[in-house]
Amino acid sequence: MEKFIAICLLLISLTASCQEATNNITRNWEVRMTEKDEPGKKFTLDITVLDIATKQPIKDAEIFAYHTNYKGDYVNDANGIAKIHGTAWSNEKGAIRLITIYPRGYNDSPTGEHIHFRTKARGYSGGGTDLSFWEFQQKQLKYDNPVVSKVYLEALEEKNGEFFGKAILYMQKN
């Protein structure tokens, strides 16, 4: 009986430790997706995560992003995930910041640059969405009638050889 009680206490202790560790995961609103020496033009993208109906910020949305390297290739890391990737959690203003390089179109194409996103937030439908730089450049985005399947780039500029962008990512309640 003493062994049984000892095992139960050990399991309870381990469960509590696991829950504590899970709750202590660092949830940064700013994430570096590349090493500092990654080839390519440096790119900082500020995104605001908004509720599509109310246009209010969504706090604690988990946003996973990934894209191609400077040659337009997806090089996988040891876990089989695109090497250039990162996960950020939106802050109280719905803001996230991705520090990365400017992606290239597939197979070194000068067009077709894009970033893939996977989204999750409590009470919202998760899923995939993309930011297409070509749609922004061609002025094809309908900012007055947004959809959750697109990330809306609002500004893109180059300063001192680095790119800076601002975008909106919409999510829809369940």
N, C-alpha and C. Protein backbone atom coordinates (compact mmCIF):
# COMPACT_ATOMS: atom_id res chain seq x y z
N MET A 1 0.81 -1.18 0.00
CA MET A 1 0.00 0.00 0.00
C MET A 1 0.87 1.27 0.00
N GLU A 2 1.98 1.24 0.74
CA GLU A 2 2.86 2.40 0.79
C GLU A 2 3.47 2.69 -0.58
N LYS A 3 3.81 1.61 -1.32
CA LYS A 3 4.34 1.79 -2.67
C LYS A 3 3.31 2.45 -3.57
N PHE A 4 2.08 2.02 -3.46
CA PHE A 4 1.00 2.57 -4.26
C PHE A 4 0.84 4.06 -3.97
N ILE A 5 0.85 4.44 -2.71
CA ILE A 5 0.71 5.85 -2.33
C ILE A 5 1.92 6.65 -2.84
N ALA A 6 3.10 6.09 -2.73
CA ALA A 6 4.30 6.77 -3.20
C ALA A 6 4.25 6.99 -4.71
N ILE A 7 3.79 5.98 -5.44
CA ILE A 7 3.67 6.11 -6.90
C ILE A 7 2.63 7.17 -7.25
N CYS A 8 1.50 7.17 -6.54
CA CYS A 8 0.45 8.17 -6.79
C CYS A 8 0.98 9.58 -6.54
N LEU A 9 1.71 9.75 -5.44
CA LEU A 9 2.26 11.07 -5.13
C LEU A 9 3.27 11.50 -6.19
N LEU A 10 4.08 10.55 -6.67
CA LEU A 10 5.05 10.86 -7.72
C LEU A 10 4.33 11.30 -8.99
N LEU A 11 3.28 10.57 -9.38
CA LEU A 11 2.51 10.93 -10.57
C LEU A 11 1.87 12.30 -10.43
N ILE A 12 1.32 12.58 -9.27
CA ILE A 12 0.70 13.90 -9.04
C ILE A 12 1.77 14.99 -9.16
N SER A 13 2.92 14.75 -8.58
CA SER A 13 4.02 15.71 -8.64
C SER A 13 4.48 15.94 -10.08
N LEU A 14 4.64 14.85 -10.84
CA LEU A 14 5.06 14.98 -12.24
C LEU A 14 4.02 15.72 -13.07
N THR A 15 2.74 15.42 -12.84
CA THR A 15 1.67 16.09 -13.57
C THR A 15 1.69 17.58 -13.28
N ALA A 16 1.86 17.94 -12.02
CA ALA A 16 1.92 19.36 -11.64
C ALA A 16 3.12 20.04 -12.28
N SER A 17 4.27 19.35 -12.32
CA SER A 17 5.47 19.92 -12.93
C SER A 17 5.27 20.13 -14.42
N CYS A 18 4.64 19.18 -15.09
CA CYS A 18 4.37 19.30 -16.53
C CYS A 18 3.42 20.46 -16.80
N GLN A 19 2.37 20.59 -15.99
CA GLN A 19 1.44 21.69 -16.18
C GLN A 19 2.13 23.02 -15.94
N GLU A 20 2.97 23.09 -14.92
CA GLU A 20 3.70 24.32 -14.63
C GLU A 20 4.63 24.66 -15.80
N ALA A 21 5.33 23.67 -16.32
CA ALA A 21 6.23 23.90 -17.45
C ALA A 21 5.45 24.37 -18.67
N THR A 22 4.28 23.78 -18.92
CA THR A 22 3.45 24.18 -20.05
C THR A 22 3.00 25.63 -19.89
N ASN A 23 2.62 26.02 -18.68
CA ASN A 23 2.16 27.39 -18.44
C ASN A 23 3.30 28.40 -18.53
N ASN A 24 4.54 27.95 -18.37
CA ASN A 24 5.67 28.86 -18.38
C ASN A 24 6.33 28.98 -19.75
N ILE A 25 5.73 28.43 -20.80
CA ILE A 25 6.28 28.57 -22.14
C ILE A 25 6.34 30.05 -22.47
N THR A 26 7.48 30.50 -22.93
CA THR A 26 7.61 31.90 -23.31
C THR A 26 6.82 32.16 -24.57
N ARG A 27 5.91 33.08 -24.47
CA ARG A 27 5.07 33.44 -25.62
C ARG A 27 5.43 34.85 -26.06
N ASN A 28 6.35 34.93 -26.97
CA ASN A 28 6.84 36.22 -27.43
C ASN A 28 6.00 36.76 -28.58
N TRP A 29 5.79 38.07 -28.57
CA TRP A 29 5.09 38.71 -29.68
C TRP A 29 6.05 38.99 -30.83
N GLU A 30 7.36 38.98 -30.52
CA GLU A 30 8.39 39.21 -31.52
C GLU A 30 9.23 37.95 -31.65
N VAL A 31 9.45 37.50 -32.88
CA VAL A 31 10.20 36.27 -33.09
C VAL A 31 11.18 36.44 -34.25
N ARG A 32 12.39 35.93 -34.03
CA ARG A 32 13.40 35.89 -35.10
C ARG A 32 13.26 34.55 -35.81
N MET A 33 12.99 34.60 -37.11
CA MET A 33 12.77 33.38 -37.89
C MET A 33 14.05 32.84 -38.50
N THR A 34 15.11 33.62 -38.52
CA THR A 34 16.37 33.22 -39.15
C THR A 34 17.53 33.50 -38.21
N GLU A 35 18.64 32.88 -38.52
CA GLU A 35 19.89 33.24 -37.84
C GLU A 35 20.30 34.61 -38.37
N LYS A 36 21.08 35.33 -37.61
CA LYS A 36 21.49 36.67 -38.02
C LYS A 36 22.31 36.68 -39.31
N ASP A 37 23.00 35.57 -39.60
CA ASP A 37 23.84 35.52 -40.79
C ASP A 37 23.15 34.84 -41.98
N GLU A 38 21.83 34.65 -41.90
CA GLU A 38 21.09 34.04 -43.02
C GLU A 38 21.24 34.92 -44.27
N PRO A 39 21.63 34.34 -45.41
CA PRO A 39 21.74 35.14 -46.64
C PRO A 39 20.37 35.71 -47.04
N GLY A 40 20.41 36.88 -47.63
CA GLY A 40 19.19 37.54 -48.10
C GLY A 40 19.02 38.90 -47.45
N LYS A 41 18.06 39.66 -47.98
CA LYS A 41 17.79 40.99 -47.43
C LYS A 41 16.99 40.87 -46.15
N LYS A 42 17.45 41.55 -45.13
CA LYS A 42 16.75 41.53 -43.84
C LYS A 42 15.34 42.11 -44.01
N PHE A 43 14.39 41.53 -43.27
CA PHE A 43 12.99 41.93 -43.40
C PHE A 43 12.32 41.86 -42.04
N THR A 44 11.72 42.96 -41.63
CA THR A 44 10.94 43.02 -40.40
C THR A 44 9.49 43.27 -40.79
N LEU A 45 8.62 42.37 -40.37
CA LEU A 45 7.20 42.47 -40.70
C LEU A 45 6.38 42.60 -39.42
N ASP A 46 5.68 43.72 -39.29
CA ASP A 46 4.78 43.95 -38.16
C ASP A 46 3.36 43.61 -38.62
N ILE A 47 2.72 42.73 -37.87
CA ILE A 47 1.37 42.27 -38.21
C ILE A 47 0.44 42.56 -37.03
N THR A 48 -0.76 43.02 -37.35
CA THR A 48 -1.80 43.18 -36.35
C THR A 48 -2.84 42.10 -36.61
N VAL A 49 -3.16 41.32 -35.57
CA VAL A 49 -4.15 40.25 -35.67
C VAL A 49 -5.48 40.82 -35.18
N LEU A 50 -6.49 40.79 -36.08
CA LEU A 50 -7.78 41.40 -35.78
C LEU A 50 -8.93 40.42 -35.97
N ASP A 51 -9.99 40.62 -35.20
CA ASP A 51 -11.26 39.93 -35.40
C ASP A 51 -11.87 40.50 -36.68
N ILE A 52 -12.24 39.63 -37.62
CA ILE A 52 -12.73 40.10 -38.92
C ILE A 52 -14.06 40.84 -38.82
N ALA A 53 -14.90 40.50 -37.83
CA ALA A 53 -16.20 41.16 -37.70
C ALA A 53 -16.10 42.48 -36.95
N THR A 54 -15.36 42.51 -35.85
CA THR A 54 -15.32 43.70 -35.00
C THR A 54 -14.12 44.60 -35.29
N LYS A 55 -13.12 44.06 -36.00
CA LYS A 55 -11.85 44.77 -36.27
C LYS A 55 -11.10 45.11 -34.98
N GLN A 56 -11.37 44.37 -33.91
CA GLN A 56 -10.68 44.55 -32.64
C GLN A 56 -9.49 43.59 -32.55
N PRO A 57 -8.43 44.00 -31.82
CA PRO A 57 -7.25 43.13 -31.69
C PRO A 57 -7.58 41.83 -30.98
N ILE A 58 -6.88 40.78 -31.37
CA ILE A 58 -7.00 39.47 -30.73
C ILE A 58 -5.70 39.23 -29.96
N LYS A 59 -5.83 39.06 -28.66
CA LYS A 59 -4.68 38.78 -27.80
C LYS A 59 -4.44 37.28 -27.74
N ASP A 60 -3.19 36.87 -27.64
CA ASP A 60 -2.77 35.48 -27.48
C ASP A 60 -3.09 34.59 -28.68
N ALA A 61 -3.18 35.17 -29.86
CA ALA A 61 -3.31 34.35 -31.08
C ALA A 61 -1.93 33.77 -31.38
N GLU A 62 -1.89 32.48 -31.65
CA GLU A 62 -0.64 31.80 -32.00
C GLU A 62 -0.49 31.82 -33.51
N ILE A 63 0.56 32.45 -33.98
CA ILE A 63 0.78 32.61 -35.41
C ILE A 63 2.10 31.94 -35.78
N PHE A 64 2.01 30.87 -36.56
CA PHE A 64 3.18 30.16 -37.06
C PHE A 64 3.39 30.62 -38.50
N ALA A 65 4.61 31.05 -38.83
CA ALA A 65 4.91 31.53 -40.18
C ALA A 65 6.12 30.80 -40.73
N TYR A 66 6.13 30.60 -42.06
CA TYR A 66 7.30 30.02 -42.71
C TYR A 66 7.35 30.49 -44.16
N HIS A 67 8.57 30.49 -44.73
CA HIS A 67 8.72 30.90 -46.12
C HIS A 67 10.03 30.39 -46.71
N THR A 68 10.22 30.68 -47.98
CA THR A 68 11.40 30.23 -48.71
C THR A 68 12.64 31.04 -48.32
N ASN A 69 13.78 30.52 -48.70
CA ASN A 69 15.04 31.24 -48.47
C ASN A 69 15.27 32.25 -49.60
N TYR A 70 16.45 32.84 -49.63
CA TYR A 70 16.75 33.88 -50.62
C TYR A 70 16.83 33.34 -52.05
N LYS A 71 16.88 32.02 -52.21
CA LYS A 71 16.90 31.41 -53.54
C LYS A 71 15.53 30.89 -53.97
N GLY A 72 14.53 31.00 -53.10
CA GLY A 72 13.20 30.50 -53.43
C GLY A 72 12.99 29.04 -53.10
N ASP A 73 13.84 28.49 -52.24
CA ASP A 73 13.75 27.09 -51.87
C ASP A 73 13.32 26.95 -50.42
N TYR A 74 12.61 25.85 -50.13
CA TYR A 74 12.32 25.48 -48.76
C TYR A 74 13.39 24.48 -48.33
N VAL A 75 14.22 24.88 -47.42
CA VAL A 75 15.22 23.98 -46.86
C VAL A 75 14.69 23.58 -45.49
N ASN A 76 14.54 22.28 -45.26
CA ASN A 76 13.98 21.81 -44.00
C ASN A 76 15.04 21.70 -42.91
N ASP A 77 14.58 21.90 -41.68
CA ASP A 77 15.47 21.70 -40.54
C ASP A 77 15.46 20.22 -40.15
N ALA A 78 16.07 19.89 -39.04
CA ALA A 78 16.18 18.49 -38.59
C ALA A 78 14.82 17.87 -38.29
N ASN A 79 13.81 18.70 -38.01
CA ASN A 79 12.46 18.19 -37.72
C ASN A 79 11.57 18.12 -38.96
N GLY A 80 12.14 18.43 -40.14
CA GLY A 80 11.36 18.37 -41.36
C GLY A 80 10.48 19.59 -41.59
N ILE A 81 10.74 20.66 -40.85
CA ILE A 81 9.98 21.91 -40.98
C ILE A 81 10.84 22.88 -41.78
N ALA A 82 10.19 23.75 -42.54
CA ALA A 82 10.95 24.76 -43.28
C ALA A 82 11.90 25.46 -42.32
N LYS A 83 13.16 25.56 -42.71
CA LYS A 83 14.19 26.14 -41.85
C LYS A 83 13.84 27.56 -41.42
N ILE A 84 13.26 28.32 -42.35
CA ILE A 84 12.88 29.69 -42.02
C ILE A 84 11.44 29.66 -41.53
N HIS A 85 11.30 29.64 -40.21
CA HIS A 85 9.97 29.60 -39.60
C HIS A 85 10.04 30.18 -38.19
N GLY A 86 8.87 30.46 -37.66
CA GLY A 86 8.79 30.95 -36.29
C GLY A 86 7.35 31.03 -35.83
N THR A 87 7.16 31.05 -34.53
CA THR A 87 5.83 31.17 -33.93
C THR A 87 5.83 32.36 -32.99
N ALA A 88 4.84 33.22 -33.16
CA ALA A 88 4.67 34.39 -32.29
C ALA A 88 3.26 34.36 -31.73
N TRP A 89 3.09 34.98 -30.56
CA TRP A 89 1.78 35.11 -29.92
C TRP A 89 1.45 36.59 -29.84
N SER A 90 0.29 36.95 -30.31
CA SER A 90 -0.08 38.37 -30.35
C SER A 90 -0.22 38.94 -28.94
N ASN A 91 0.20 40.19 -28.79
CA ASN A 91 0.10 40.86 -27.50
C ASN A 91 -1.29 41.49 -27.34
N GLU A 92 -1.46 42.31 -26.31
CA GLU A 92 -2.77 42.90 -26.03
C GLU A 92 -3.26 43.83 -27.14
N LYS A 93 -2.35 44.31 -27.98
CA LYS A 93 -2.74 45.15 -29.13
C LYS A 93 -2.92 44.32 -30.40
N GLY A 94 -2.80 43.00 -30.28
CA GLY A 94 -2.91 42.12 -31.44
C GLY A 94 -1.65 42.10 -32.29
N ALA A 95 -0.57 42.66 -31.77
CA ALA A 95 0.66 42.82 -32.56
C ALA A 95 1.58 41.61 -32.46
N ILE A 96 2.19 41.29 -33.60
CA ILE A 96 3.32 40.37 -33.65
C ILE A 96 4.37 40.99 -34.57
N ARG A 97 5.62 40.60 -34.36
CA ARG A 97 6.70 41.07 -35.24
C ARG A 97 7.54 39.87 -35.65
N LEU A 98 7.75 39.75 -36.95
CA LEU A 98 8.59 38.70 -37.49
C LEU A 98 9.87 39.32 -38.02
N ILE A 99 11.00 38.83 -37.55
CA ILE A 99 12.30 39.29 -38.02
C ILE A 99 12.89 38.15 -38.84
N THR A 100 13.10 38.40 -40.12
CA THR A 100 13.44 37.33 -41.05
C THR A 100 14.23 37.90 -42.22
N ILE A 101 14.16 37.25 -43.35
CA ILE A 101 14.67 37.79 -44.60
C ILE A 101 13.50 37.89 -45.56
N TYR A 102 13.67 38.71 -46.59
CA TYR A 102 12.62 38.84 -47.60
C TYR A 102 12.59 37.55 -48.42
N PRO A 103 11.43 36.89 -48.52
CA PRO A 103 11.38 35.62 -49.25
C PRO A 103 11.54 35.81 -50.75
N ARG A 104 11.90 34.76 -51.41
CA ARG A 104 12.04 34.76 -52.88
C ARG A 104 10.93 33.88 -53.45
N GLY A 105 10.51 34.14 -54.69
CA GLY A 105 9.55 33.26 -55.36
C GLY A 105 10.18 31.90 -55.59
N TYR A 106 9.34 30.89 -55.77
CA TYR A 106 9.85 29.53 -55.97
C TYR A 106 10.89 29.46 -57.08
N ASN A 107 11.88 28.62 -56.89
CA ASN A 107 12.91 28.34 -57.90
C ASN A 107 13.61 29.62 -58.38
N ASP A 108 13.90 30.52 -57.44
CA ASP A 108 14.63 31.76 -57.71
C ASP A 108 13.87 32.71 -58.63
N SER A 109 12.54 32.61 -58.64
CA SER A 109 11.73 33.51 -59.45
C SER A 109 11.71 34.89 -58.81
N PRO A 110 11.81 35.96 -59.61
CA PRO A 110 11.77 37.32 -59.06
C PRO A 110 10.35 37.74 -58.64
N THR A 111 9.35 36.91 -58.96
CA THR A 111 7.98 37.20 -58.54
C THR A 111 7.44 36.00 -57.76
N GLY A 112 6.31 36.19 -57.12
CA GLY A 112 5.69 35.10 -56.39
C GLY A 112 6.13 35.00 -54.94
N GLU A 113 6.79 36.04 -54.42
CA GLU A 113 7.20 36.02 -53.03
C GLU A 113 5.97 35.95 -52.13
N HIS A 114 6.06 35.13 -51.09
CA HIS A 114 4.92 34.97 -50.19
C HIS A 114 5.39 34.37 -48.87
N ILE A 115 4.52 34.49 -47.87
CA ILE A 115 4.76 33.88 -46.56
C ILE A 115 3.50 33.10 -46.19
N HIS A 116 3.69 31.87 -45.71
CA HIS A 116 2.58 31.04 -45.24
C HIS A 116 2.37 31.24 -43.74
N PHE A 117 1.11 31.21 -43.32
CA PHE A 117 0.77 31.35 -41.91
C PHE A 117 -0.21 30.26 -41.50
N ARG A 118 -0.05 29.77 -40.29
CA ARG A 118 -1.02 28.88 -39.64
C ARG A 118 -1.43 29.58 -38.36
N THR A 119 -2.74 29.69 -38.14
CA THR A 119 -3.25 30.50 -37.03
C THR A 119 -4.07 29.67 -36.05
N LYS A 120 -4.00 30.08 -34.76
CA LYS A 120 -4.80 29.47 -33.70
C LYS A 120 -5.09 30.53 -32.66
N ALA A 121 -6.32 30.56 -32.17
CA ALA A 121 -6.66 31.43 -31.04
C ALA A 121 -7.94 30.89 -30.41
N ARG A 122 -8.02 30.99 -29.10
CA ARG A 122 -9.20 30.51 -28.37
C ARG A 122 -10.45 31.24 -28.85
N GLY A 123 -11.45 30.44 -29.26
CA GLY A 123 -12.72 31.01 -29.72
C GLY A 123 -12.75 31.39 -31.18
N TYR A 124 -11.62 31.13 -31.89
CA TYR A 124 -11.53 31.50 -33.31
C TYR A 124 -11.21 30.27 -34.15
N SER A 125 -11.67 30.31 -35.39
CA SER A 125 -11.34 29.25 -36.34
C SER A 125 -9.88 29.40 -36.73
N GLY A 126 -9.13 28.35 -36.58
CA GLY A 126 -7.73 28.37 -36.99
C GLY A 126 -7.61 27.95 -38.44
N GLY A 127 -6.42 27.99 -38.94
CA GLY A 127 -6.22 27.53 -40.30
C GLY A 127 -5.04 28.18 -40.96
N GLY A 128 -5.01 28.08 -42.27
CA GLY A 128 -3.91 28.60 -43.04
C GLY A 128 -4.29 29.84 -43.81
N THR A 129 -3.32 30.71 -43.98
CA THR A 129 -3.50 31.92 -44.76
C THR A 129 -2.13 32.31 -45.33
N ASP A 130 -2.12 33.18 -46.30
CA ASP A 130 -0.88 33.55 -46.95
C ASP A 130 -0.80 35.06 -47.16
N LEU A 131 0.41 35.56 -47.18
CA LEU A 131 0.67 36.94 -47.57
C LEU A 131 1.35 36.88 -48.92
N SER A 132 0.72 37.47 -49.93
CA SER A 132 1.27 37.50 -51.28
C SER A 132 1.78 38.91 -51.57
N PHE A 133 3.07 39.05 -51.77
CA PHE A 133 3.63 40.36 -52.08
C PHE A 133 3.18 40.82 -53.47
N TRP A 134 2.97 39.87 -54.38
CA TRP A 134 2.54 40.20 -55.74
C TRP A 134 1.16 40.84 -55.72
N GLU A 135 0.23 40.30 -54.92
CA GLU A 135 -1.11 40.90 -54.82
C GLU A 135 -1.04 42.33 -54.31
N PHE A 136 -0.14 42.58 -53.36
CA PHE A 136 0.05 43.94 -52.85
C PHE A 136 0.60 44.84 -53.95
N GLN A 137 1.64 44.37 -54.63
CA GLN A 137 2.28 45.18 -55.66
C GLN A 137 1.34 45.47 -56.83
N GLN A 138 0.47 44.51 -57.15
CA GLN A 138 -0.48 44.68 -58.25
C GLN A 138 -1.78 45.35 -57.81
N LYS A 139 -1.84 45.74 -56.52
CA LYS A 139 -3.02 46.41 -55.94
C LYS A 139 -4.29 45.58 -56.11
N GLN A 140 -4.16 44.27 -55.86
CA GLN A 140 -5.30 43.36 -56.01
C GLN A 140 -6.02 43.04 -54.71
N LEU A 141 -5.53 43.56 -53.60
CA LEU A 141 -6.17 43.26 -52.32
C LEU A 141 -7.37 44.19 -52.10
N LYS A 142 -8.46 43.61 -51.63
CA LYS A 142 -9.68 44.37 -51.35
C LYS A 142 -9.73 44.64 -49.85
N TYR A 143 -9.13 45.75 -49.45
CA TYR A 143 -9.00 46.08 -48.04
C TYR A 143 -10.35 46.35 -47.38
N ASP A 144 -11.34 46.80 -48.17
CA ASP A 144 -12.66 47.13 -47.61
C ASP A 144 -13.54 45.90 -47.41
N ASN A 145 -13.13 44.76 -47.95
CA ASN A 145 -13.91 43.53 -47.81
C ASN A 145 -12.95 42.36 -47.54
N PRO A 146 -12.31 42.36 -46.37
CA PRO A 146 -11.27 41.35 -46.10
C PRO A 146 -11.83 39.94 -45.92
N VAL A 147 -10.95 38.97 -46.16
CA VAL A 147 -11.26 37.56 -45.94
C VAL A 147 -10.14 36.96 -45.08
N VAL A 148 -10.43 35.86 -44.41
CA VAL A 148 -9.44 35.26 -43.52
C VAL A 148 -8.38 34.45 -44.26
N SER A 149 -8.54 34.23 -45.55
CA SER A 149 -7.57 33.43 -46.30
C SER A 149 -6.41 34.26 -46.84
N LYS A 150 -6.37 35.56 -46.53
CA LYS A 150 -5.29 36.42 -46.99
C LYS A 150 -4.76 37.25 -45.83
N VAL A 151 -3.48 37.57 -45.90
CA VAL A 151 -2.89 38.54 -44.99
C VAL A 151 -2.72 39.81 -45.81
N TYR A 152 -3.19 40.92 -45.26
CA TYR A 152 -3.26 42.17 -46.00
C TYR A 152 -2.06 43.06 -45.72
N LEU A 153 -1.15 43.10 -46.68
CA LEU A 153 0.03 43.95 -46.58
C LEU A 153 -0.42 45.39 -46.82
N GLU A 154 -0.11 46.26 -45.86
CA GLU A 154 -0.50 47.67 -45.98
C GLU A 154 0.65 48.56 -46.42
N ALA A 155 1.86 48.17 -46.08
CA ALA A 155 3.02 48.99 -46.43
C ALA A 155 4.24 48.08 -46.57
N LEU A 156 5.09 48.44 -47.51
CA LEU A 156 6.35 47.74 -47.72
C LEU A 156 7.35 48.77 -48.21
N GLU A 157 8.44 48.92 -47.47
CA GLU A 157 9.46 49.87 -47.90
C GLU A 157 10.85 49.32 -47.62
N GLU A 158 11.78 49.85 -48.37
CA GLU A 158 13.17 49.46 -48.20
C GLU A 158 13.95 50.66 -47.68
N LYS A 159 14.70 50.44 -46.59
CA LYS A 159 15.54 51.48 -46.00
C LYS A 159 16.91 50.88 -45.73
N ASN A 160 17.93 51.51 -46.25
CA ASN A 160 19.31 51.08 -46.00
C ASN A 160 19.52 49.59 -46.28
N GLY A 161 18.92 49.08 -47.36
CA GLY A 161 19.11 47.69 -47.76
C GLY A 161 18.29 46.68 -46.99
N GLU A 162 17.39 47.14 -46.11
CA GLU A 162 16.50 46.24 -45.37
C GLU A 162 15.05 46.56 -45.69
N PHE A 163 14.19 45.53 -45.66
CA PHE A 163 12.77 45.72 -45.90
C PHE A 163 12.01 45.81 -44.58
N PHE A 164 10.95 46.63 -44.60
CA PHE A 164 10.05 46.78 -43.46
C PHE A 164 8.63 46.74 -44.00
N GLY A 165 7.77 45.96 -43.35
CA GLY A 165 6.39 45.86 -43.80
C GLY A 165 5.41 45.92 -42.64
N LYS A 166 4.17 46.29 -42.98
CA LYS A 166 3.06 46.28 -42.02
C LYS A 166 1.90 45.57 -42.68
N ALA A 167 1.24 44.71 -41.89
CA ALA A 167 0.16 43.90 -42.45
C ALA A 167 -0.92 43.66 -41.40
N ILE A 168 -2.08 43.21 -41.87
CA ILE A 168 -3.19 42.81 -41.00
C ILE A 168 -3.55 41.37 -41.33
N LEU A 169 -3.71 40.59 -40.28
CA LEU A 169 -4.15 39.19 -40.39
C LEU A 169 -5.50 39.11 -39.67
N TYR A 170 -6.53 38.68 -40.39
CA TYR A 170 -7.87 38.58 -39.81
C TYR A 170 -8.18 37.15 -39.40
N MET A 171 -8.92 37.03 -38.28
CA MET A 171 -9.41 35.72 -37.84
C MET A 171 -10.91 35.84 -37.58
N GLN A 172 -11.59 34.70 -37.71
CA GLN A 172 -13.04 34.66 -37.56
C GLN A 172 -13.41 33.80 -36.36
N LYS A 173 -14.38 34.29 -35.57
CA LYS A 173 -14.84 33.50 -34.41
C LYS A 173 -15.50 32.22 -34.89
N ASN A 174 -15.43 31.21 -34.01
CA ASN A 174 -16.07 29.91 -34.31
C ASN A 174 -17.57 30.09 -34.48
